[in-house]
Amino acid sequence: MKAWTLTAHGDPQKVFALRDHTKPVPKADEILVACEGFGLNYADVMASKGLYREAPPVPSILGYEVVGRIEAAGAGVPQALLGKRVVGMTRFGGYAQYAVTDHRAVAIIPEDLELGKAAALATQGCTAWYAAHLLCPLRTGQRVLVHSAAGGVGHLLVQLALRAGCEVFAIASGSAKVEYLRSLGVQHVIDRADGDHATQLQRMLQGAKLDVVFNAVGGSSFKKDMRLLGSGGRIVLFGGAERGGIGMFGTLRFVWRMGLVVPILLMMKSRSILGLNMLRIAEDRPQDIAECLRNMVVACAEGHLVPRVHSVYDANDLPRAIADLDGGTTMGKLVVRW
């Protein structure tokens, strides 16, 4: 089979190679998916630069999600799944024509569901659902801030928050993203091009405080968000897009920007910091992944959520797709079709 292989760390347009690999064989509780295509996530950008701790050593096959048809199954897998078209989450290995994953990490999808929309329901969709329903359940009237709100996870979080009846503050960059977020019904859109997001937020809040923050950026944004969080408020951290530089010094600089957190002060001010890593959830609580994925498929089918697809790239264009995602100008989901 063909698979895009990360051969080194560096410029995304230079470190990937399309190579031949042996087709994987499903083990117990695993299924083999013949892939139509696969989705991209910002973690892929980080991994290509050597900044993602969870990534396997090079050479390796990245990829967290695939869309395709189940071709084979290992022991313990319901035989009714064979032949079904599914979207599934993978612990790497998704950048390939065939991929294996736990049968609980897939959901059956309609034959006519577009590749891009289907892929958006997996890693990014499950992250959004888990964050907004299981980890930090949203309630009507809460003031919710979403960073990177036009991104793959962000645009789904925005829709979930609006559906829950929240007052949403969404951060993006550029007029196109601002207009898209307004078209979703977001009440307050913050354009980073207009200056510091915290300063803009303070004006919009008019003395009020935030109830929930979904932060995929980290770094200096974390300290600013903490100052705007009210009693009972929660910050969900699920990314580190602000991190720059490779090696220990890059890590230390990123952590330094986040500042010191004193647990006793969190208690005294009644604030919570919640970390989210879907790879860890998948390892320890696969039933939660299954729940999130099923709910995302249903929400999409019923029209409650509308995944936005930035582009569907040809299989030969993976390096360009990764570079586009790294450039920060994309909106919604990026996918590659075999």
C-alpha atoms as a PDB file:
ATOM      1  CA  MET A   1       0.000   0.000   0.000  1.00  0.00           C
ATOM      2  CA  LYS A   2       0.983   3.643  -0.382  1.00  0.00           C
ATOM      3  CA  ALA A   3       1.402   5.843   2.697  1.00  0.00           C
ATOM      4  CA  TRP A   4       2.737   9.312   3.323  1.00  0.00           C
ATOM      5  CA  THR A   5       5.747   8.900   5.578  1.00  0.00           C
ATOM      6  CA  LEU A   6       7.313  11.515   7.833  1.00  0.00           C
ATOM      7  CA  THR A   7      11.032  11.057   7.139  1.00  0.00           C
ATOM      8  CA  ALA A   8      12.488  13.852   9.306  1.00  0.00           C
ATOM      9  CA  HIS A   9      11.459  16.958  11.238  1.00  0.00           C
ATOM     10  CA  GLY A  10      11.372  20.344   9.558  1.00  0.00           C
ATOM     11  CA  ASP A  11       9.601  22.152   6.726  1.00  0.00           C
ATOM     12  CA  PRO A  12       6.313  20.268   6.099  1.00  0.00           C
ATOM     13  CA  GLN A  13       6.831  20.586   2.345  1.00  0.00           C
ATOM     14  CA  LYS A  14      10.194  18.805   2.543  1.00  0.00           C
ATOM     15  CA  VAL A  15       9.911  16.082   5.180  1.00  0.00           C
ATOM     16  CA  PHE A  16       7.118  13.866   3.780  1.00  0.00           C
ATOM     17  CA  ALA A  17       7.594  11.105   1.202  1.00  0.00           C
ATOM     18  CA  LEU A  18       5.028   8.830  -0.452  1.00  0.00           C
ATOM     19  CA  ARG A  19       6.347   5.298   0.126  1.00  0.00           C
ATOM     20  CA  ASP A  20       5.284   1.671  -0.142  1.00  0.00           C
ATOM     21  CA  HIS A  21       4.385  -0.104   3.101  1.00  0.00           C
ATOM     22  CA  THR A  22       3.006  -3.507   4.050  1.00  0.00           C
ATOM     23  CA  LYS A  23      -0.743  -3.553   4.461  1.00  0.00           C
ATOM     24  CA  PRO A  24      -1.509  -3.809   8.200  1.00  0.00           C
ATOM     25  CA  VAL A  25      -3.310  -6.823   9.643  1.00  0.00           C
ATOM     26  CA  PRO A  26      -6.022  -6.238  12.252  1.00  0.00           C
ATOM     27  CA  LYS A  27      -5.445  -7.743  15.677  1.00  0.00           C
ATOM     28  CA  ALA A  28      -8.094  -8.656  18.237  1.00  0.00           C
ATOM     29  CA  ASP A  29     -10.760  -5.930  18.520  1.00  0.00           C
ATOM     30  CA  GLU A  30      -9.331  -4.136  15.461  1.00  0.00           C
ATOM     31  CA  ILE A  31     -10.719  -3.513  11.982  1.00  0.00           C
ATOM     32  CA  LEU A  32      -8.925  -2.832   8.691  1.00  0.00           C
ATOM     33  CA  VAL A  33     -10.252   0.148   6.736  1.00  0.00           C
ATOM     34  CA  ALA A  34      -9.715   0.605   3.005  1.00  0.00           C
ATOM     35  CA  CYS A  35      -9.395   4.371   3.050  1.00  0.00           C
ATOM     36  CA  GLU A  36     -11.095   6.864   0.746  1.00  0.00           C
ATOM     37  CA  GLY A  37      -9.075   9.578   2.381  1.00  0.00           C
ATOM     38  CA  PHE A  38      -7.905  11.038   5.659  1.00  0.00           C
ATOM     39  CA  GLY A  39      -8.183  14.260   7.634  1.00  0.00           C
ATOM     40  CA  LEU A  40      -5.534  16.691   8.817  1.00  0.00           C
ATOM     41  CA  ASN A  41      -5.183  18.209  12.276  1.00  0.00           C
ATOM     42  CA  TYR A  42      -2.930  20.907  13.671  1.00  0.00           C
ATOM     43  CA  ALA A  43      -1.150  18.215  15.682  1.00  0.00           C
ATOM     44  CA  ASP A  44       0.163  16.974  12.324  1.00  0.00           C
ATOM     45  CA  VAL A  45       1.873  20.320  11.779  1.00  0.00           C
ATOM     46  CA  MET A  46       3.414  20.129  15.243  1.00  0.00           C
ATOM     47  CA  ALA A  47       4.533  16.534  14.675  1.00  0.00           C
ATOM     48  CA  SER A  48       6.174  17.371  11.361  1.00  0.00           C
ATOM     49  CA  LYS A  49       8.284  19.977  13.146  1.00  0.00           C
ATOM     50  CA  GLY A  50       9.192  17.688  16.019  1.00  0.00           C
ATOM     51  CA  LEU A  51       7.008  19.621  18.481  1.00  0.00           C
ATOM     52  CA  TYR A  52       4.405  16.951  19.249  1.00  0.00           C
ATOM     53  CA  ARG A  53       5.487  14.766  22.115  1.00  0.00           C
ATOM     54  CA  GLU A  54       3.051  11.934  21.398  1.00  0.00           C
ATOM     55  CA  ALA A  55       4.197  11.393  17.811  1.00  0.00           C
ATOM     56  CA  PRO A  56       6.154   8.227  16.981  1.00  0.00           C
ATOM     57  CA  PRO A  57       9.823   8.510  16.010  1.00  0.00           C
ATOM     58  CA  VAL A  58      10.663   9.030  12.350  1.00  0.00           C
ATOM     59  CA  PRO A  59      10.232   7.467   9.919  1.00  0.00           C
ATOM     60  CA  SER A  60       6.559   7.136  10.762  1.00  0.00           C
ATOM     61  CA  ILE A  61       3.058   7.394   9.363  1.00  0.00           C
ATOM     62  CA  LEU A  62       1.023  10.155  10.970  1.00  0.00           C
ATOM     63  CA  GLY A  63      -2.740  10.560  10.815  1.00  0.00           C
ATOM     64  CA  TYR A  64      -5.536  10.494  13.373  1.00  0.00           C
ATOM     65  CA  GLU A  65      -8.605   9.765  11.274  1.00  0.00           C
ATOM     66  CA  VAL A  66      -9.742   7.999   8.137  1.00  0.00           C
ATOM     67  CA  VAL A  67     -12.896   7.590   6.093  1.00  0.00           C
ATOM     68  CA  GLY A  68     -13.441   4.366   4.209  1.00  0.00           C
ATOM     69  CA  ARG A  69     -14.899   0.869   4.174  1.00  0.00           C
ATOM     70  CA  ILE A  70     -14.184  -1.947   6.625  1.00  0.00           C
ATOM     71  CA  GLU A  71     -12.412  -4.711   4.716  1.00  0.00           C
ATOM     72  CA  ALA A  72     -11.349  -7.090   7.464  1.00  0.00           C
ATOM     73  CA  ALA A  73     -11.776  -7.633  11.179  1.00  0.00           C
ATOM     74  CA  GLY A  74      -9.863  -9.251  14.007  1.00  0.00           C
ATOM     75  CA  ALA A  75     -11.185 -11.498  16.747  1.00  0.00           C
ATOM     76  CA  GLY A  76     -13.914  -9.995  18.891  1.00  0.00           C
ATOM     77  CA  VAL A  77     -15.178  -7.535  16.277  1.00  0.00           C
ATOM     78  CA  PRO A  78     -18.905  -7.649  15.403  1.00  0.00           C
ATOM     79  CA  GLN A  79     -19.078  -9.227  11.934  1.00  0.00           C
ATOM     80  CA  ALA A  80     -21.928  -6.882  11.010  1.00  0.00           C
ATOM     81  CA  LEU A  81     -19.328  -4.126  10.622  1.00  0.00           C
ATOM     82  CA  LEU A  82     -17.703  -5.776   7.602  1.00  0.00           C
ATOM     83  CA  GLY A  83     -18.351  -3.812   4.421  1.00  0.00           C
ATOM     84  CA  LYS A  84     -19.693  -0.750   6.243  1.00  0.00           C
ATOM     85  CA  ARG A  85     -18.601   2.760   5.306  1.00  0.00           C
ATOM     86  CA  VAL A  86     -17.197   4.414   8.413  1.00  0.00           C
ATOM     87  CA  VAL A  87     -15.314   7.351   9.839  1.00  0.00           C
ATOM     88  CA  GLY A  88     -12.726   6.296  12.366  1.00  0.00           C
ATOM     89  CA  MET A  89     -10.071   7.647  14.664  1.00  0.00           C
ATOM     90  CA  THR A  90      -6.575   6.177  14.494  1.00  0.00           C
ATOM     91  CA  ARG A  91      -3.609   6.396  16.812  1.00  0.00           C
ATOM     92  CA  PHE A  92      -1.361   7.402  13.919  1.00  0.00           C
ATOM     93  CA  GLY A  93      -1.184   5.393  10.687  1.00  0.00           C
ATOM     94  CA  GLY A  94      -3.994   7.339   9.018  1.00  0.00           C
ATOM     95  CA  TYR A  95      -1.951   8.763   6.134  1.00  0.00           C
ATOM     96  CA  ALA A  96      -2.253   5.449   4.291  1.00  0.00           C
ATOM     97  CA  GLN A  97      -4.438   3.596   1.814  1.00  0.00           C
ATOM     98  CA  TYR A  98      -5.218   1.079   4.573  1.00  0.00           C
ATOM     99  CA  ALA A  99      -5.383   1.669   8.320  1.00  0.00           C
ATOM    100  CA  VAL A 100      -6.227  -0.367  11.401  1.00  0.00           C
ATOM    101  CA  THR A 101      -7.989   0.868  14.506  1.00  0.00           C
ATOM    102  CA  ASP A 102     -10.102  -0.319  17.423  1.00  0.00           C
ATOM    103  CA  HIS A 103     -13.625  -1.141  16.246  1.00  0.00           C
ATOM    104  CA  ARG A 104     -15.008   1.086  19.011  1.00  0.00           C
ATOM    105  CA  ALA A 105     -13.264   4.082  17.434  1.00  0.00           C
ATOM    106  CA  VAL A 106     -15.416   4.064  14.289  1.00  0.00           C
ATOM    107  CA  ALA A 107     -18.948   5.074  13.424  1.00  0.00           C
ATOM    108  CA  ILE A 108     -21.032   4.004  10.438  1.00  0.00           C
ATOM    109  CA  ILE A 109     -21.806   6.918   8.116  1.00  0.00           C
ATOM    110  CA  PRO A 110     -24.227   7.418   5.214  1.00  0.00           C
ATOM    111  CA  GLU A 111     -23.002   6.518   1.748  1.00  0.00           C
ATOM    112  CA  ASP A 112     -23.655  10.044   0.523  1.00  0.00           C
ATOM    113  CA  LEU A 113     -21.861  11.894   3.345  1.00  0.00           C
ATOM    114  CA  GLU A 114     -19.032  13.921   1.822  1.00  0.00           C
ATOM    115  CA  LEU A 115     -15.490  12.836   2.626  1.00  0.00           C
ATOM    116  CA  GLY A 116     -14.536  16.194   4.146  1.00  0.00           C
ATOM    117  CA  LYS A 117     -17.569  16.472   6.397  1.00  0.00           C
ATOM    118  CA  ALA A 118     -17.180  12.883   7.528  1.00  0.00           C
ATOM    119  CA  ALA A 119     -13.521  13.380   8.453  1.00  0.00           C
ATOM    120  CA  ALA A 120     -14.393  16.529  10.415  1.00  0.00           C
ATOM    121  CA  LEU A 121     -16.503  14.432  12.785  1.00  0.00           C
ATOM    122  CA  ALA A 122     -13.562  12.365  13.996  1.00  0.00           C
ATOM    123  CA  THR A 123     -10.604  13.853  15.895  1.00  0.00           C
ATOM    124  CA  GLN A 124     -11.781  17.448  15.761  1.00  0.00           C
ATOM    125  CA  GLY A 125     -15.447  16.599  16.155  1.00  0.00           C
ATOM    126  CA  CYS A 126     -14.811  14.271  19.089  1.00  0.00           C
ATOM    127  CA  THR A 127     -12.575  16.867  20.728  1.00  0.00           C
ATOM    128  CA  ALA A 128     -15.335  19.458  20.477  1.00  0.00           C
ATOM    129  CA  TRP A 129     -18.049  17.094  21.716  1.00  0.00           C
ATOM    130  CA  TYR A 130     -15.979  15.749  24.596  1.00  0.00           C
ATOM    131  CA  ALA A 131     -14.979  19.266  25.667  1.00  0.00           C
ATOM    132  CA  ALA A 132     -18.465  20.765  25.519  1.00  0.00           C
ATOM    133  CA  HIS A 133     -20.528  17.793  26.746  1.00  0.00           C
ATOM    134  CA  LEU A 134     -18.402  15.492  28.912  1.00  0.00           C
ATOM    135  CA  LEU A 135     -15.476  17.515  30.257  1.00  0.00           C
ATOM    136  CA  CYS A 136     -17.098  20.929  30.584  1.00  0.00           C
ATOM    137  CA  PRO A 137     -20.858  20.694  29.963  1.00  0.00           C
ATOM    138  CA  LEU A 138     -22.211  24.000  28.695  1.00  0.00           C
ATOM    139  CA  ARG A 139     -25.326  25.663  30.102  1.00  0.00           C
ATOM    140  CA  THR A 140     -27.688  28.280  28.774  1.00  0.00           C
ATOM    141  CA  GLY A 141     -26.572  31.848  29.373  1.00  0.00           C
ATOM    142  CA  GLN A 142     -22.898  31.117  29.975  1.00  0.00           C
ATOM    143  CA  ARG A 143     -20.327  33.466  28.457  1.00  0.00           C
ATOM    144  CA  VAL A 144     -18.016  31.242  26.398  1.00  0.00           C
ATOM    145  CA  LEU A 145     -14.763  32.215  24.719  1.00  0.00           C
ATOM    146  CA  VAL A 146     -13.424  30.114  21.820  1.00  0.00           C
ATOM    147  CA  HIS A 147      -9.886  30.624  20.527  1.00  0.00           C
ATOM    148  CA  SER A 148      -9.062  29.711  16.909  1.00  0.00           C
ATOM    149  CA  ALA A 149     -12.807  29.769  16.397  1.00  0.00           C
ATOM    150  CA  ALA A 150     -12.746  29.261  12.621  1.00  0.00           C
ATOM    151  CA  GLY A 151     -10.419  26.250  12.879  1.00  0.00           C
ATOM    152  CA  GLY A 152     -11.260  22.563  12.730  1.00  0.00           C
ATOM    153  CA  VAL A 153     -12.220  22.191  16.407  1.00  0.00           C
ATOM    154  CA  GLY A 154     -13.127  25.823  16.987  1.00  0.00           C
ATOM    155  CA  HIS A 155     -15.934  26.114  14.441  1.00  0.00           C
ATOM    156  CA  LEU A 156     -17.587  23.018  15.907  1.00  0.00           C
ATOM    157  CA  LEU A 157     -17.206  24.290  19.481  1.00  0.00           C
ATOM    158  CA  VAL A 158     -18.828  27.554  18.425  1.00  0.00           C
ATOM    159  CA  GLN A 159     -21.828  25.690  17.021  1.00  0.00           C
ATOM    160  CA  LEU A 160     -22.157  23.504  20.123  1.00  0.00           C
ATOM    161  CA  ALA A 161     -22.006  26.560  22.393  1.00  0.00           C
ATOM    162  CA  LEU A 162     -24.608  28.433  20.362  1.00  0.00           C
ATOM    163  CA  ARG A 163     -26.899  25.407  20.371  1.00  0.00           C
ATOM    164  CA  ALA A 164     -26.545  25.233  24.171  1.00  0.00           C
ATOM    165  CA  GLY A 165     -27.783  28.836  24.414  1.00  0.00           C
ATOM    166  CA  CYS A 166     -24.451  30.405  25.359  1.00  0.00           C
ATOM    167  CA  GLU A 167     -23.219  33.914  24.661  1.00  0.00           C
ATOM    168  CA  VAL A 168     -20.211  33.244  22.446  1.00  0.00           C
ATOM    169  CA  PHE A 169     -17.035  35.282  22.090  1.00  0.00           C
ATOM    170  CA  ALA A 170     -15.010  33.966  19.149  1.00  0.00           C
ATOM    171  CA  ILE A 171     -11.406  34.822  18.268  1.00  0.00           C
ATOM    172  CA  ALA A 172     -10.139  34.567  14.698  1.00  0.00           C
ATOM    173  CA  SER A 173      -7.892  36.484  12.341  1.00  0.00           C
ATOM    174  CA  GLY A 174      -8.936  38.218   9.146  1.00  0.00           C
ATOM    175  CA  SER A 175     -12.178  39.488   7.630  1.00  0.00           C
ATOM    176  CA  ALA A 176     -13.105  36.196   5.934  1.00  0.00           C
ATOM    177  CA  LYS A 177     -13.023  34.274   9.213  1.00  0.00           C
ATOM    178  CA  VAL A 178     -14.831  37.069  11.032  1.00  0.00           C
ATOM    179  CA  GLU A 179     -17.661  37.050   8.472  1.00  0.00           C
ATOM    180  CA  TYR A 180     -17.918  33.256   8.603  1.00  0.00           C
ATOM    181  CA  LEU A 181     -18.278  33.279  12.396  1.00  0.00           C
ATOM    182  CA  ARG A 182     -20.908  35.988  12.226  1.00  0.00           C
ATOM    183  CA  SER A 183     -22.807  33.896   9.683  1.00  0.00           C
ATOM    184  CA  LEU A 184     -22.994  31.129  12.310  1.00  0.00           C
ATOM    185  CA  GLY A 185     -24.702  33.531  14.697  1.00  0.00           C
ATOM    186  CA  VAL A 186     -21.771  34.324  16.996  1.00  0.00           C
ATOM    187  CA  GLN A 187     -22.664  37.352  19.095  1.00  0.00           C
ATOM    188  CA  HIS A 188     -19.135  38.712  19.569  1.00  0.00           C
ATOM    189  CA  VAL A 189     -16.287  38.190  17.104  1.00  0.00           C
ATOM    190  CA  ILE A 190     -12.759  39.308  17.933  1.00  0.00           C
ATOM    191  CA  ASP A 191     -10.313  39.865  15.088  1.00  0.00           C
ATOM    192  CA  ARG A 192      -6.723  39.424  16.244  1.00  0.00           C
ATOM    193  CA  ALA A 193      -5.722  41.832  13.501  1.00  0.00           C
ATOM    194  CA  ASP A 194      -7.435  44.606  15.498  1.00  0.00           C
ATOM    195  CA  GLY A 195      -5.126  44.221  18.506  1.00  0.00           C
ATOM    196  CA  ASP A 196      -4.810  42.323  21.748  1.00  0.00           C
ATOM    197  CA  HIS A 197      -7.711  39.919  22.209  1.00  0.00           C
ATOM    198  CA  ALA A 198      -7.920  40.499  25.975  1.00  0.00           C
ATOM    199  CA  THR A 199      -8.278  44.259  25.513  1.00  0.00           C
ATOM    200  CA  GLN A 200     -11.067  43.745  22.990  1.00  0.00           C
ATOM    201  CA  LEU A 201     -12.744  41.223  25.287  1.00  0.00           C
ATOM    202  CA  GLN A 202     -12.728  43.596  28.246  1.00  0.00           C
ATOM    203  CA  ARG A 203     -14.588  46.183  26.199  1.00  0.00           C
ATOM    204  CA  MET A 204     -17.155  43.631  25.067  1.00  0.00           C
ATOM    205  CA  LEU A 205     -17.671  42.162  28.535  1.00  0.00           C
ATOM    206  CA  GLN A 206     -18.324  45.585  30.097  1.00  0.00           C
ATOM    207  CA  GLY A 207     -17.224  44.461  33.536  1.00  0.00           C
ATOM    208  CA  ALA A 208     -18.647  40.941  33.325  1.00  0.00           C
ATOM    209  CA  LYS A 209     -16.500  37.794  33.477  1.00  0.00           C
ATOM    210  CA  LEU A 210     -16.183  34.685  31.322  1.00  0.00           C
ATOM    211  CA  ASP A 211     -17.663  31.362  32.420  1.00  0.00           C
ATOM    212  CA  VAL A 212     -15.834  29.035  30.019  1.00  0.00           C
ATOM    213  CA  VAL A 213     -12.758  29.336  27.797  1.00  0.00           C
ATOM    214  CA  PHE A 214     -11.766  26.834  25.109  1.00  0.00           C
ATOM    215  CA  ASN A 215      -8.101  27.497  24.435  1.00  0.00           C
ATOM    216  CA  ALA A 216      -6.095  25.734  21.703  1.00  0.00           C
ATOM    217  CA  VAL A 217      -3.306  28.329  21.764  1.00  0.00           C
ATOM    218  CA  GLY A 218      -1.727  28.273  25.233  1.00  0.00           C
ATOM    219  CA  GLY A 219       1.277  30.439  25.994  1.00  0.00           C
ATOM    220  CA  SER A 220       0.586  34.076  26.805  1.00  0.00           C
ATOM    221  CA  SER A 221      -3.112  33.726  25.936  1.00  0.00           C
ATOM    222  CA  PHE A 222      -3.610  31.519  28.993  1.00  0.00           C
ATOM    223  CA  LYS A 223      -2.621  34.228  31.491  1.00  0.00           C
ATOM    224  CA  LYS A 224      -4.863  36.764  29.775  1.00  0.00           C
ATOM    225  CA  ASP A 225      -7.805  34.375  29.821  1.00  0.00           C
ATOM    226  CA  MET A 226      -7.334  33.617  33.518  1.00  0.00           C
ATOM    227  CA  ARG A 227      -7.664  37.301  34.372  1.00  0.00           C
ATOM    228  CA  LEU A 228     -11.019  37.420  32.561  1.00  0.00           C
ATOM    229  CA  LEU A 229     -12.422  34.251  34.158  1.00  0.00           C
ATOM    230  CA  GLY A 230     -15.095  34.638  36.807  1.00  0.00           C
ATOM    231  CA  SER A 231     -15.915  32.603  39.898  1.00  0.00           C
ATOM    232  CA  GLY A 232     -16.838  29.059  38.915  1.00  0.00           C
ATOM    233  CA  GLY A 233     -15.123  29.629  35.583  1.00  0.00           C
ATOM    234  CA  ARG A 234     -13.253  26.924  33.670  1.00  0.00           C
ATOM    235  CA  ILE A 235     -10.502  26.935  31.059  1.00  0.00           C
ATOM    236  CA  VAL A 236     -10.218  23.939  28.765  1.00  0.00           C
ATOM    237  CA  LEU A 237      -6.716  23.645  27.270  1.00  0.00           C
ATOM    238  CA  PHE A 238      -6.458  21.381  24.232  1.00  0.00           C
ATOM    239  CA  GLY A 239      -3.623  22.764  22.115  1.00  0.00           C
ATOM    240  CA  GLY A 240      -0.410  24.745  22.018  1.00  0.00           C
ATOM    241  CA  ALA A 241      -0.454  26.661  18.746  1.00  0.00           C
ATOM    242  CA  GLU A 242       1.568  29.523  20.239  1.00  0.00           C
ATOM    243  CA  ARG A 243       4.546  27.275  20.837  1.00  0.00           C
ATOM    244  CA  GLY A 244       7.488  28.122  18.592  1.00  0.00           C
ATOM    245  CA  GLY A 245      11.015  26.838  18.318  1.00  0.00           C
ATOM    246  CA  ILE A 246      12.343  23.321  18.606  1.00  0.00           C
ATOM    247  CA  GLY A 247      13.927  21.706  21.636  1.00  0.00           C
ATOM    248  CA  MET A 248      14.050  22.477  25.327  1.00  0.00           C
ATOM    249  CA  PHE A 249      14.368  26.241  24.953  1.00  0.00           C
ATOM    250  CA  GLY A 250      11.236  26.404  22.824  1.00  0.00           C
ATOM    251  CA  THR A 251       9.350  24.381  25.425  1.00  0.00           C
ATOM    252  CA  LEU A 252      10.615  26.466  28.335  1.00  0.00           C
ATOM    253  CA  ARG A 253       9.688  29.715  26.593  1.00  0.00           C
ATOM    254  CA  PHE A 254       6.184  28.402  25.894  1.00  0.00           C
ATOM    255  CA  VAL A 255       5.708  27.302  29.519  1.00  0.00           C
ATOM    256  CA  TRP A 256       7.151  30.564  30.856  1.00  0.00           C
ATOM    257  CA  ARG A 257       4.608  32.556  28.879  1.00  0.00           C
ATOM    258  CA  MET A 258       1.800  30.616  30.540  1.00  0.00           C
ATOM    259  CA  GLY A 259       2.977  31.733  33.974  1.00  0.00           C
ATOM    260  CA  LEU A 260       2.824  30.134  37.397  1.00  0.00           C
ATOM    261  CA  VAL A 261      -0.353  28.402  38.559  1.00  0.00           C
ATOM    262  CA  VAL A 262      -0.857  28.124  42.326  1.00  0.00           C
ATOM    263  CA  PRO A 263      -3.471  25.447  43.144  1.00  0.00           C
ATOM    264  CA  ILE A 264      -4.586  27.107  46.390  1.00  0.00           C
ATOM    265  CA  LEU A 265      -5.444  30.271  44.459  1.00  0.00           C
ATOM    266  CA  LEU A 266      -7.585  28.258  42.077  1.00  0.00           C
ATOM    267  CA  MET A 267      -9.555  27.026  45.064  1.00  0.00           C
ATOM    268  CA  MET A 268      -9.844  30.470  46.643  1.00  0.00           C
ATOM    269  CA  LYS A 269     -11.085  32.025  43.389  1.00  0.00           C
ATOM    270  CA  SER A 270     -13.138  28.947  42.442  1.00  0.00           C
ATOM    271  CA  ARG A 271     -11.593  28.516  39.016  1.00  0.00           C
ATOM    272  CA  SER A 272     -10.704  25.324  37.165  1.00  0.00           C
ATOM    273  CA  ILE A 273      -8.111  24.405  34.544  1.00  0.00           C
ATOM    274  CA  LEU A 274      -9.000  21.348  32.479  1.00  0.00           C
ATOM    275  CA  GLY A 275      -6.547  19.661  30.126  1.00  0.00           C
ATOM    276  CA  LEU A 276      -7.683  17.593  27.152  1.00  0.00           C
ATOM    277  CA  ASN A 277      -5.622  15.143  25.088  1.00  0.00           C
ATOM    278  CA  MET A 278      -7.831  12.905  22.956  1.00  0.00           C
ATOM    279  CA  LEU A 279      -5.072  10.336  22.438  1.00  0.00           C
ATOM    280  CA  ARG A 280      -5.042   9.701  26.181  1.00  0.00           C
ATOM    281  CA  ILE A 281      -8.833   9.522  26.284  1.00  0.00           C
ATOM    282  CA  ALA A 282      -8.771   6.993  23.442  1.00  0.00           C
ATOM    283  CA  GLU A 283      -6.238   4.848  25.301  1.00  0.00           C
ATOM    284  CA  ASP A 284      -8.006   4.798  28.661  1.00  0.00           C
ATOM    285  CA  ARG A 285     -11.668   5.414  27.817  1.00  0.00           C
ATOM    286  CA  PRO A 286     -12.465   4.119  24.317  1.00  0.00           C
ATOM    287  CA  GLN A 287     -16.145   4.028  25.239  1.00  0.00           C
ATOM    288  CA  ASP A 288     -16.086   7.826  25.535  1.00  0.00           C
ATOM    289  CA  ILE A 289     -14.596   8.118  22.052  1.00  0.00           C
ATOM    290  CA  ALA A 290     -17.349   5.877  20.710  1.00  0.00           C
ATOM    291  CA  GLU A 291     -19.997   8.017  22.421  1.00  0.00           C
ATOM    292  CA  CYS A 292     -18.574  11.264  21.058  1.00  0.00           C
ATOM    293  CA  LEU A 293     -18.225   9.931  17.525  1.00  0.00           C
ATOM    294  CA  ARG A 294     -21.764   8.533  17.440  1.00  0.00           C
ATOM    295  CA  ASN A 295     -23.186  11.808  18.722  1.00  0.00           C
ATOM    296  CA  MET A 296     -21.243  13.843  16.169  1.00  0.00           C
ATOM    297  CA  VAL A 297     -22.536  11.669  13.308  1.00  0.00           C
ATOM    298  CA  VAL A 298     -26.123  12.062  14.552  1.00  0.00           C
ATOM    299  CA  ALA A 299     -25.769  15.829  15.057  1.00  0.00           C
ATOM    300  CA  CYS A 300     -24.432  16.185  11.528  1.00  0.00           C
ATOM    301  CA  ALA A 301     -27.167  13.998  10.028  1.00  0.00           C
ATOM    302  CA  GLU A 302     -29.859  16.010  11.823  1.00  0.00           C
ATOM    303  CA  GLY A 303     -28.358  19.322  10.733  1.00  0.00           C
ATOM    304  CA  HIS A 304     -27.518  20.532  14.238  1.00  0.00           C
ATOM    305  CA  LEU A 305     -23.848  20.794  13.267  1.00  0.00           C
ATOM    306  CA  VAL A 306     -22.519  21.747   9.859  1.00  0.00           C
ATOM    307  CA  PRO A 307     -18.827  20.939   9.444  1.00  0.00           C
ATOM    308  CA  ARG A 308     -17.015  23.375   7.195  1.00  0.00           C
ATOM    309  CA  VAL A 309     -14.577  21.879   4.694  1.00  0.00           C
ATOM    310  CA  HIS A 310     -11.740  24.147   3.654  1.00  0.00           C
ATOM    311  CA  SER A 311     -10.489  21.925   0.850  1.00  0.00           C
ATOM    312  CA  VAL A 312     -10.153  18.355  -0.366  1.00  0.00           C
ATOM    313  CA  TYR A 313      -6.598  17.803  -1.612  1.00  0.00           C
ATOM    314  CA  ASP A 314      -5.371  15.242  -4.106  1.00  0.00           C
ATOM    315  CA  ALA A 315      -3.266  12.445  -2.606  1.00  0.00           C
ATOM    316  CA  ASN A 316      -0.106  13.899  -4.140  1.00  0.00           C
ATOM    317  CA  ASP A 317      -0.691  17.274  -2.460  1.00  0.00           C
ATOM    318  CA  LEU A 318      -0.288  16.278   1.194  1.00  0.00           C
ATOM    319  CA  PRO A 319       2.829  18.440   1.792  1.00  0.00           C
ATOM    320  CA  ARG A 320       1.016  21.486   0.413  1.00  0.00           C
ATOM    321  CA  ALA A 321      -2.031  20.722   2.564  1.00  0.00           C
ATOM    322  CA  ILE A 322       0.116  20.571   5.709  1.00  0.00           C
ATOM    323  CA  ALA A 323       1.809  23.848   4.730  1.00  0.00           C
ATOM    324  CA  ASP A 324      -1.588  25.491   4.172  1.00  0.00           C
ATOM    325  CA  LEU A 325      -2.756  24.372   7.602  1.00  0.00           C
ATOM    326  CA  ASP A 326       0.461  25.697   9.122  1.00  0.00           C
ATOM    327  CA  GLY A 327      -0.088  29.047   7.415  1.00  0.00           C
ATOM    328  CA  GLY A 328      -3.114  29.857   9.574  1.00  0.00           C
ATOM    329  CA  THR A 329      -5.380  31.002   6.730  1.00  0.00           C
ATOM    330  CA  THR A 330      -7.572  27.905   6.464  1.00  0.00           C
ATOM    331  CA  MET A 331     -11.088  27.546   7.851  1.00  0.00           C
ATOM    332  CA  GLY A 332     -12.605  24.267   8.954  1.00  0.00           C
ATOM    333  CA  LYS A 333     -11.459  20.826   7.828  1.00  0.00           C
ATOM    334  CA  LEU A 334      -8.646  19.870   5.460  1.00  0.00           C
ATOM    335  CA  VAL A 335      -8.736  16.386   3.943  1.00  0.00           C
ATOM    336  CA  VAL A 336      -6.720  14.337   1.468  1.00  0.00           C
ATOM    337  CA  ARG A 337      -8.398  11.934  -0.977  1.00  0.00           C
ATOM    338  CA  TRP A 338      -6.685   8.811  -2.331  1.00  0.00           C
END
